[in-house]
Amino acid sequence: MRAISIILVLIMLTSSFTGCLSESEKISSSDDEDLTPLRINHIQMKGTHNSYHLAPIGPTIRAYDYSHDPLDIQAEEQGVRQFEIDVWWDARGQLYVYHNQYDSRSNCITLEECLGTLLDWSNQNQEHVPLMIWIEPKEWIEQSTDNTIVIDLQNMLENIEQEIIEYWPRNKTITPDDVRNGAETLSRAVMENGWPLLEDSRGKAMFILLSSGDLRQSYYEQYPGLNGSRMFTMSEPGSSEAAIFSDTDPIGNGDEIEALVRDGFIVRSRADNAEDGEADNNDTTRLQAAISVGAHSISTDYPEEVNGIEYWVEIPNGNPVACNPISAPVDCTAERVESLAN
């Protein structure tokens, strides 16, 4: 009888503890459900300016005197999530990546190679926040004794579009159509419906055309309202295609940037420029301004420590990506944004 009594007591205790654990799990589940869903525009991350860039060999001007590690190293070891790639037309039929004729060294030679490097990293780290990849087409005029060749910009844009289609999978791309999602315009979708959920956007990339004027207009003519396009564009206030802005002066234009962020738009800004002296003087004024006004990506020439320079950029409270100080809900945490091992 004593043995039976002990067994009955053990069964009752086990049942009691099981009930407590189930209740705890219910509370945890309830807490998760009560959290505000995070969206793409609730984050703040580090970017690089001319992400492909390698300093020229030999004496050079200060503006060119900086180097970036390969794109996957930037992503894996430095927490970079926004990239900028300059693209040049070439008669051999490929889109080459470099700064200009006098500053031509690159850690990825073609757009295909640059995208392939990032895609390999993305496939191995599929919980990352969306990468923002800015593409800047460059004009090239080749003169000879017999002729002058001027690149047809619209054809170059189509070549860029086709390479994105070919070298970056559609199911890993966030396009204007995905954000518009039936709204009348892209701008209205951003302000009224908001950006896609972060959980639905992990492991993907957004491509943005870094250009204005006639070149951007050519892209709109190809893709009216950005319907069917793979790229967003660098926006103008009031435009029906407005979604993502670039403002490199967070000190002078801080109020404008913050207003755009509060309205739901995404803004890229700059922390420094090699030739402007921030790195040489360890001046973080521009960086702190970009952080405080809620720029979603903050681009730098110095994403990591460099010998002889005390200045480099880290996003405060980032893991490596942080909650946006202006747009993120109060229950946002860096761990909820991204928790990749670094």
Protein backbone atom coordinates (compact mmCIF):
# COMPACT_ATOMS: atom_id res chain seq x y z
CA MET A 1 0.00 0.00 0.00
CA ARG A 2 2.84 2.35 0.88
CA ALA A 3 4.35 1.82 -2.60
CA ILE A 4 1.00 2.52 -4.25
CA SER A 5 0.61 5.72 -2.21
CA ILE A 6 4.04 6.95 -3.26
CA ILE A 7 3.23 6.27 -6.92
CA LEU A 8 -0.05 8.17 -6.63
CA VAL A 9 1.73 11.13 -5.05
CA LEU A 10 4.33 11.14 -7.83
CA ILE A 11 1.60 11.04 -10.48
CA MET A 12 -0.17 13.98 -8.85
CA LEU A 13 3.06 15.98 -8.60
CA THR A 14 3.98 15.22 -12.20
CA SER A 15 0.52 16.26 -13.35
CA SER A 16 0.77 19.46 -11.33
CA PHE A 17 4.18 20.41 -12.78
CA THR A 18 3.02 19.57 -16.31
CA GLY A 19 0.08 21.90 -15.85
CA CYS A 20 2.37 24.69 -14.68
CA LEU A 21 4.70 24.27 -17.65
CA SER A 22 1.80 24.32 -20.08
CA GLU A 23 0.51 27.53 -18.53
CA SER A 24 3.98 29.06 -18.76
CA GLU A 25 4.16 28.16 -22.41
CA LYS A 26 0.74 29.75 -22.94
CA ILE A 27 1.94 32.97 -21.27
CA SER A 28 5.09 33.01 -23.42
CA SER A 29 3.02 32.43 -26.54
CA SER A 30 0.63 35.18 -25.48
CA ASP A 31 3.54 37.57 -24.94
CA ASP A 32 4.84 36.88 -28.45
CA GLU A 33 1.40 37.53 -29.90
CA ASP A 34 1.18 40.84 -28.05
CA LEU A 35 4.43 42.14 -29.55
CA THR A 36 4.09 44.74 -32.29
CA PRO A 37 4.95 43.17 -35.66
CA LEU A 38 8.20 44.59 -37.00
CA ARG A 39 8.41 45.96 -40.53
CA ILE A 40 11.27 46.74 -42.88
CA ASN A 41 11.26 50.42 -41.95
CA HIS A 42 11.62 49.71 -38.22
CA ILE A 43 15.35 49.04 -38.48
CA GLN A 44 18.63 50.96 -38.60
CA MET A 45 21.75 49.44 -40.17
CA LYS A 46 25.25 50.09 -41.38
CA GLY A 47 26.03 50.57 -45.06
CA THR A 48 29.12 51.18 -47.12
CA HIS A 49 29.79 53.86 -49.71
CA ASN A 50 31.30 52.48 -52.94
CA SER A 51 31.17 49.06 -51.34
CA TYR A 52 33.43 47.47 -53.99
CA HIS A 53 36.22 50.04 -53.60
CA LEU A 54 39.95 49.33 -53.28
CA ALA A 55 42.42 52.19 -52.93
CA PRO A 56 44.63 52.77 -55.97
CA ILE A 57 48.14 51.37 -55.85
CA GLY A 58 50.64 54.16 -55.25
CA PRO A 59 50.06 57.84 -54.42
CA THR A 60 46.46 59.02 -54.70
CA ILE A 61 44.10 61.74 -53.52
CA ARG A 62 42.43 61.46 -50.12
CA ALA A 63 38.99 60.84 -51.64
CA TYR A 64 40.23 57.55 -53.12
CA ASP A 65 42.42 56.46 -50.21
CA TYR A 66 40.25 53.81 -48.55
CA SER A 67 39.55 50.13 -49.16
CA HIS A 68 36.68 47.77 -48.45
CA ASP A 69 36.86 44.06 -47.77
CA PRO A 70 34.93 41.71 -50.11
CA LEU A 71 31.17 42.15 -49.89
CA ASP A 72 30.58 38.88 -48.04
CA ILE A 73 33.21 39.79 -45.41
CA GLN A 74 31.49 43.14 -44.94
CA ALA A 75 28.21 41.33 -44.35
CA GLU A 76 29.59 38.52 -42.19
CA GLU A 77 32.20 40.26 -40.05
CA GLN A 78 31.31 43.95 -40.14
CA GLY A 79 27.51 43.81 -40.01
CA VAL A 80 27.01 45.73 -43.27
CA ARG A 81 23.51 45.36 -44.72
CA GLN A 82 23.43 48.21 -47.27
CA PHE A 83 25.72 48.22 -50.30
CA GLU A 84 26.44 50.66 -53.12
CA ILE A 85 27.69 49.46 -56.52
CA ASP A 86 28.76 51.68 -59.43
CA VAL A 87 28.13 50.08 -62.83
CA TRP A 88 29.80 50.93 -66.13
CA TRP A 89 28.93 49.78 -69.63
CA ASP A 90 31.63 47.92 -71.51
CA ALA A 91 31.86 47.07 -75.21
CA ARG A 92 32.58 43.45 -74.27
CA GLY A 93 28.98 43.11 -73.17
CA GLN A 94 29.39 43.00 -69.39
CA LEU A 95 28.58 45.51 -66.69
CA TYR A 96 31.81 46.34 -64.89
CA VAL A 97 32.10 47.74 -61.37
CA TYR A 98 34.55 50.52 -60.48
CA HIS A 99 34.56 54.16 -59.42
CA ASN A 100 36.03 55.97 -62.42
CA GLN A 101 38.86 55.81 -64.94
CA TYR A 102 41.37 57.07 -62.39
CA ASP A 103 40.08 55.00 -59.48
CA SER A 104 39.32 51.62 -60.98
CA ARG A 105 40.28 48.92 -58.45
CA SER A 106 37.39 46.79 -57.21
CA ASN A 107 36.88 43.79 -54.93
CA CYS A 108 34.31 42.44 -57.42
CA ILE A 109 34.94 43.14 -61.08
CA THR A 110 31.46 42.80 -62.61
CA LEU A 111 27.91 43.28 -61.42
CA GLU A 112 27.42 39.53 -61.85
CA GLU A 113 30.33 38.83 -59.50
CA CYS A 114 29.18 41.37 -56.91
CA LEU A 115 25.66 39.95 -56.83
CA GLY A 116 26.98 36.39 -56.74
CA THR A 117 29.15 37.15 -53.71
CA LEU A 118 26.24 38.66 -51.79
CA LEU A 119 23.84 35.92 -52.87
CA ASP A 120 26.17 33.19 -51.60
CA TRP A 121 26.37 34.92 -48.22
CA SER A 122 22.61 35.47 -48.14
CA ASN A 123 21.89 31.81 -48.88
CA GLN A 124 24.08 30.84 -45.93
CA ASN A 125 22.44 33.38 -43.59
CA GLN A 126 18.80 33.39 -44.55
CA GLU A 127 17.50 35.13 -41.41
CA HIS A 128 19.23 38.42 -42.24
CA VAL A 129 17.20 41.61 -42.59
CA PRO A 130 16.69 42.70 -46.20
CA LEU A 131 19.86 43.87 -47.89
CA MET A 132 19.57 47.26 -49.56
CA ILE A 133 21.65 47.28 -52.74
CA TRP A 134 21.98 50.66 -54.44
CA ILE A 135 22.98 50.49 -58.11
CA GLU A 136 24.50 53.61 -59.70
CA PRO A 137 24.83 53.53 -63.50
CA LYS A 138 27.74 55.55 -64.85
CA GLU A 139 28.00 57.27 -68.22
CA TRP A 140 31.06 56.52 -70.31
CA ILE A 141 32.06 58.39 -73.43
CA GLU A 142 34.79 56.75 -75.49
CA GLN A 143 36.45 59.00 -78.03
CA SER A 144 38.64 57.92 -80.90
CA THR A 145 39.89 59.46 -84.12
CA ASP A 146 36.92 58.08 -86.03
CA ASN A 147 33.93 58.12 -83.73
CA THR A 148 32.40 58.96 -80.40
CA ILE A 149 30.33 56.35 -78.64
CA VAL A 150 27.74 57.50 -76.15
CA ILE A 151 26.01 54.83 -74.11
CA ASP A 152 22.28 54.59 -74.61
CA LEU A 153 21.10 55.01 -71.03
CA GLN A 154 17.79 53.24 -71.43
CA ASN A 155 19.52 50.17 -72.85
CA MET A 156 21.99 50.23 -69.98
CA LEU A 157 19.13 50.35 -67.49
CA GLU A 158 17.56 47.36 -69.18
CA ASN A 159 20.88 45.52 -68.99
CA ILE A 160 21.05 46.21 -65.25
CA GLU A 161 17.47 45.05 -64.84
CA GLN A 162 18.16 41.85 -66.75
CA GLU A 163 21.27 41.07 -64.71
CA ILE A 164 19.31 41.48 -61.47
CA ILE A 165 16.66 39.13 -62.88
CA GLU A 166 19.32 36.63 -63.95
CA TYR A 167 21.60 36.71 -60.92
CA TRP A 168 19.24 37.37 -58.00
CA PRO A 169 16.20 35.06 -57.52
CA ARG A 170 12.75 36.64 -57.59
CA ASN A 171 11.75 34.86 -54.38
CA LYS A 172 14.66 36.62 -52.64
CA THR A 173 13.77 40.05 -54.00
CA ILE A 174 11.46 42.72 -52.57
CA THR A 175 10.12 44.76 -55.49
CA PRO A 176 7.90 47.86 -55.76
CA ASP A 177 5.03 45.54 -56.72
CA ASP A 178 5.45 43.66 -53.43
CA VAL A 179 5.18 46.90 -51.46
CA ARG A 180 2.38 48.40 -53.54
CA ASN A 181 0.29 45.25 -53.14
CA GLY A 182 -2.76 46.61 -54.93
CA ALA A 183 -2.57 50.22 -53.72
CA GLU A 184 -3.07 53.02 -56.22
CA THR A 185 0.56 54.21 -56.00
CA LEU A 186 3.74 53.08 -54.32
CA SER A 187 3.92 56.24 -52.23
CA ARG A 188 0.38 55.79 -50.95
CA ALA A 189 1.08 52.15 -50.12
CA VAL A 190 4.07 53.14 -47.99
CA MET A 191 2.23 55.85 -46.07
CA GLU A 192 -1.13 54.10 -45.66
CA ASN A 193 -0.35 50.37 -45.56
CA GLY A 194 3.28 50.29 -44.49
CA TRP A 195 6.20 48.15 -45.57
CA PRO A 196 6.16 44.34 -45.63
CA LEU A 197 6.66 42.54 -42.34
CA LEU A 198 10.26 41.90 -41.39
CA GLU A 199 9.59 38.21 -40.77
CA ASP A 200 8.33 37.85 -44.34
CA SER A 201 11.33 39.74 -45.70
CA ARG A 202 14.28 37.92 -44.19
CA GLY A 203 16.90 36.57 -46.56
CA LYS A 204 15.85 38.97 -49.32
CA ALA A 205 17.25 42.08 -51.00
CA MET A 206 15.90 45.39 -52.25
CA PHE A 207 17.53 47.04 -55.27
CA ILE A 208 17.47 50.82 -55.63
CA LEU A 209 18.46 52.86 -58.69
CA LEU A 210 20.86 55.54 -57.46
CA SER A 211 20.21 58.19 -60.05
CA SER A 212 18.00 61.17 -60.84
CA GLY A 213 17.10 63.39 -63.77
CA ASP A 214 16.93 61.94 -67.27
CA LEU A 215 18.25 58.54 -66.26
CA ARG A 216 15.59 58.02 -63.63
CA GLN A 217 12.96 59.32 -66.04
CA SER A 218 14.10 56.74 -68.59
CA TYR A 219 13.49 54.04 -66.01
CA TYR A 220 9.99 55.39 -65.32
CA GLU A 221 9.28 55.28 -69.05
CA GLN A 222 10.25 51.63 -69.08
CA TYR A 223 8.28 50.88 -65.91
CA PRO A 224 5.47 53.43 -65.40
CA GLY A 225 4.75 53.77 -61.71
CA LEU A 226 7.51 51.15 -61.21
CA ASN A 227 4.98 48.47 -62.13
CA GLY A 228 6.88 45.31 -62.96
CA SER A 229 10.31 46.74 -62.06
CA ARG A 230 12.95 45.00 -59.98
CA MET A 231 14.38 48.27 -58.67
CA PHE A 232 13.02 51.07 -56.53
CA THR A 233 14.33 54.54 -57.38
CA MET A 234 15.97 57.32 -55.41
CA SER A 235 12.80 59.24 -54.60
CA GLU A 236 11.68 62.84 -54.84
CA PRO A 237 9.18 64.21 -52.28
CA GLY A 238 5.64 64.16 -53.63
CA SER A 239 6.36 61.63 -56.35
CA SER A 240 3.88 58.78 -56.79
CA GLU A 241 6.90 56.42 -56.98
CA ALA A 242 8.38 57.72 -53.72
CA ALA A 243 9.46 55.03 -51.28
CA ILE A 244 13.21 55.24 -50.62
CA PHE A 245 15.20 58.46 -50.27
CA SER A 246 18.90 59.33 -50.16
CA ASP A 247 20.04 62.38 -48.19
CA THR A 248 23.73 62.55 -47.37
CA ASP A 249 23.47 65.63 -45.11
CA PRO A 250 21.85 64.53 -41.83
CA ILE A 251 23.12 67.68 -40.12
CA GLY A 252 21.70 70.32 -42.46
CA ASN A 253 18.67 68.27 -43.53
CA GLY A 254 17.96 66.44 -40.29
CA ASP A 255 14.41 67.75 -39.94
CA GLU A 256 13.54 66.69 -43.49
CA ILE A 257 14.98 63.21 -42.96
CA GLU A 258 13.12 62.70 -39.70
CA ALA A 259 9.86 63.85 -41.29
CA LEU A 260 10.27 61.31 -44.10
CA VAL A 261 11.00 58.55 -41.58
CA ARG A 262 7.91 59.43 -39.54
CA ASP A 263 5.82 59.31 -42.72
CA GLY A 264 6.98 55.75 -43.32
CA PHE A 265 9.57 56.26 -46.02
CA ILE A 266 13.02 54.65 -45.95
CA VAL A 267 16.04 56.98 -45.96
CA ARG A 268 19.70 56.30 -46.66
CA SER A 269 22.23 58.79 -45.30
CA ARG A 270 25.99 59.17 -44.84
CA ALA A 271 28.21 59.16 -41.76
CA ASP A 272 31.37 60.34 -43.49
CA ASN A 273 33.32 60.78 -46.67
CA ALA A 274 37.03 60.02 -46.89
CA GLU A 275 37.82 63.46 -48.30
CA ASP A 276 35.65 65.38 -45.81
CA GLY A 277 37.90 64.65 -42.83
CA GLU A 278 35.58 62.85 -40.42
CA ALA A 279 37.80 59.77 -40.28
CA ASP A 280 41.06 61.71 -40.03
CA ASN A 281 39.68 63.87 -37.22
CA ASN A 282 37.65 61.12 -35.51
CA ASP A 283 34.63 63.39 -35.97
CA THR A 284 31.37 61.54 -35.30
CA THR A 285 29.07 64.58 -35.62
CA ARG A 286 27.60 63.51 -38.94
CA LEU A 287 27.27 59.91 -37.79
CA GLN A 288 25.44 60.87 -34.61
CA ALA A 289 23.12 63.15 -36.60
CA ALA A 290 22.25 60.34 -39.03
CA ILE A 291 21.51 57.98 -36.14
CA SER A 292 19.36 60.44 -34.21
CA VAL A 293 17.12 61.45 -37.15
CA GLY A 294 16.35 57.81 -37.90
CA ALA A 295 18.16 57.18 -41.17
CA HIS A 296 17.52 53.52 -41.95
CA SER A 297 20.94 52.88 -43.48
CA ILE A 298 24.01 54.90 -42.64
CA SER A 299 26.75 54.65 -45.23
CA THR A 300 30.45 54.90 -44.42
CA ASP A 301 33.91 54.51 -45.92
CA TYR A 302 35.01 52.97 -42.60
CA PRO A 303 32.82 50.05 -41.48
CA GLU A 304 35.66 48.65 -39.34
CA GLU A 305 38.78 49.81 -37.55
CA VAL A 306 41.69 50.74 -39.83
CA ASN A 307 45.33 50.99 -38.75
CA GLY A 308 46.25 54.58 -38.00
CA ILE A 309 42.64 55.83 -37.86
CA GLU A 310 40.60 55.91 -34.67
CA TYR A 311 37.29 56.44 -36.49
CA TRP A 312 34.92 53.72 -37.67
CA VAL A 313 31.15 53.21 -37.67
CA GLU A 314 29.06 50.97 -35.46
CA ILE A 315 25.28 51.20 -35.07
CA PRO A 316 24.45 51.73 -31.37
CA ASN A 317 22.66 48.75 -29.80
CA GLY A 318 22.91 46.89 -33.11
CA ASN A 319 23.11 43.13 -33.21
CA PRO A 320 24.44 44.16 -35.76
CA VAL A 321 21.17 45.80 -36.90
CA ALA A 322 19.33 48.05 -34.45
CA CYS A 323 15.79 49.26 -33.86
CA ASN A 324 15.16 52.58 -35.60
CA PRO A 325 15.05 55.35 -32.95
CA ILE A 326 12.23 57.18 -34.76
CA SER A 327 10.03 54.60 -36.48
CA ALA A 328 10.40 51.39 -34.44
CA PRO A 329 7.71 50.39 -31.92
CA VAL A 330 8.63 50.58 -28.22
CA ASP A 331 8.76 46.78 -27.89
CA CYS A 332 11.36 46.43 -30.66
CA THR A 333 14.67 44.86 -29.61
CA ALA A 334 17.86 44.22 -31.55
CA GLU A 335 17.42 40.49 -30.94
CA ARG A 336 14.02 40.60 -32.62
CA VAL A 337 15.49 42.49 -35.57
CA GLU A 338 18.40 40.17 -36.28
CA SER A 339 20.35 37.63 -34.26
CA LEU A 340 22.81 36.15 -36.73
CA ALA A 341 26.06 34.92 -35.23
CA ASN A 342 28.79 37.39 -36.10
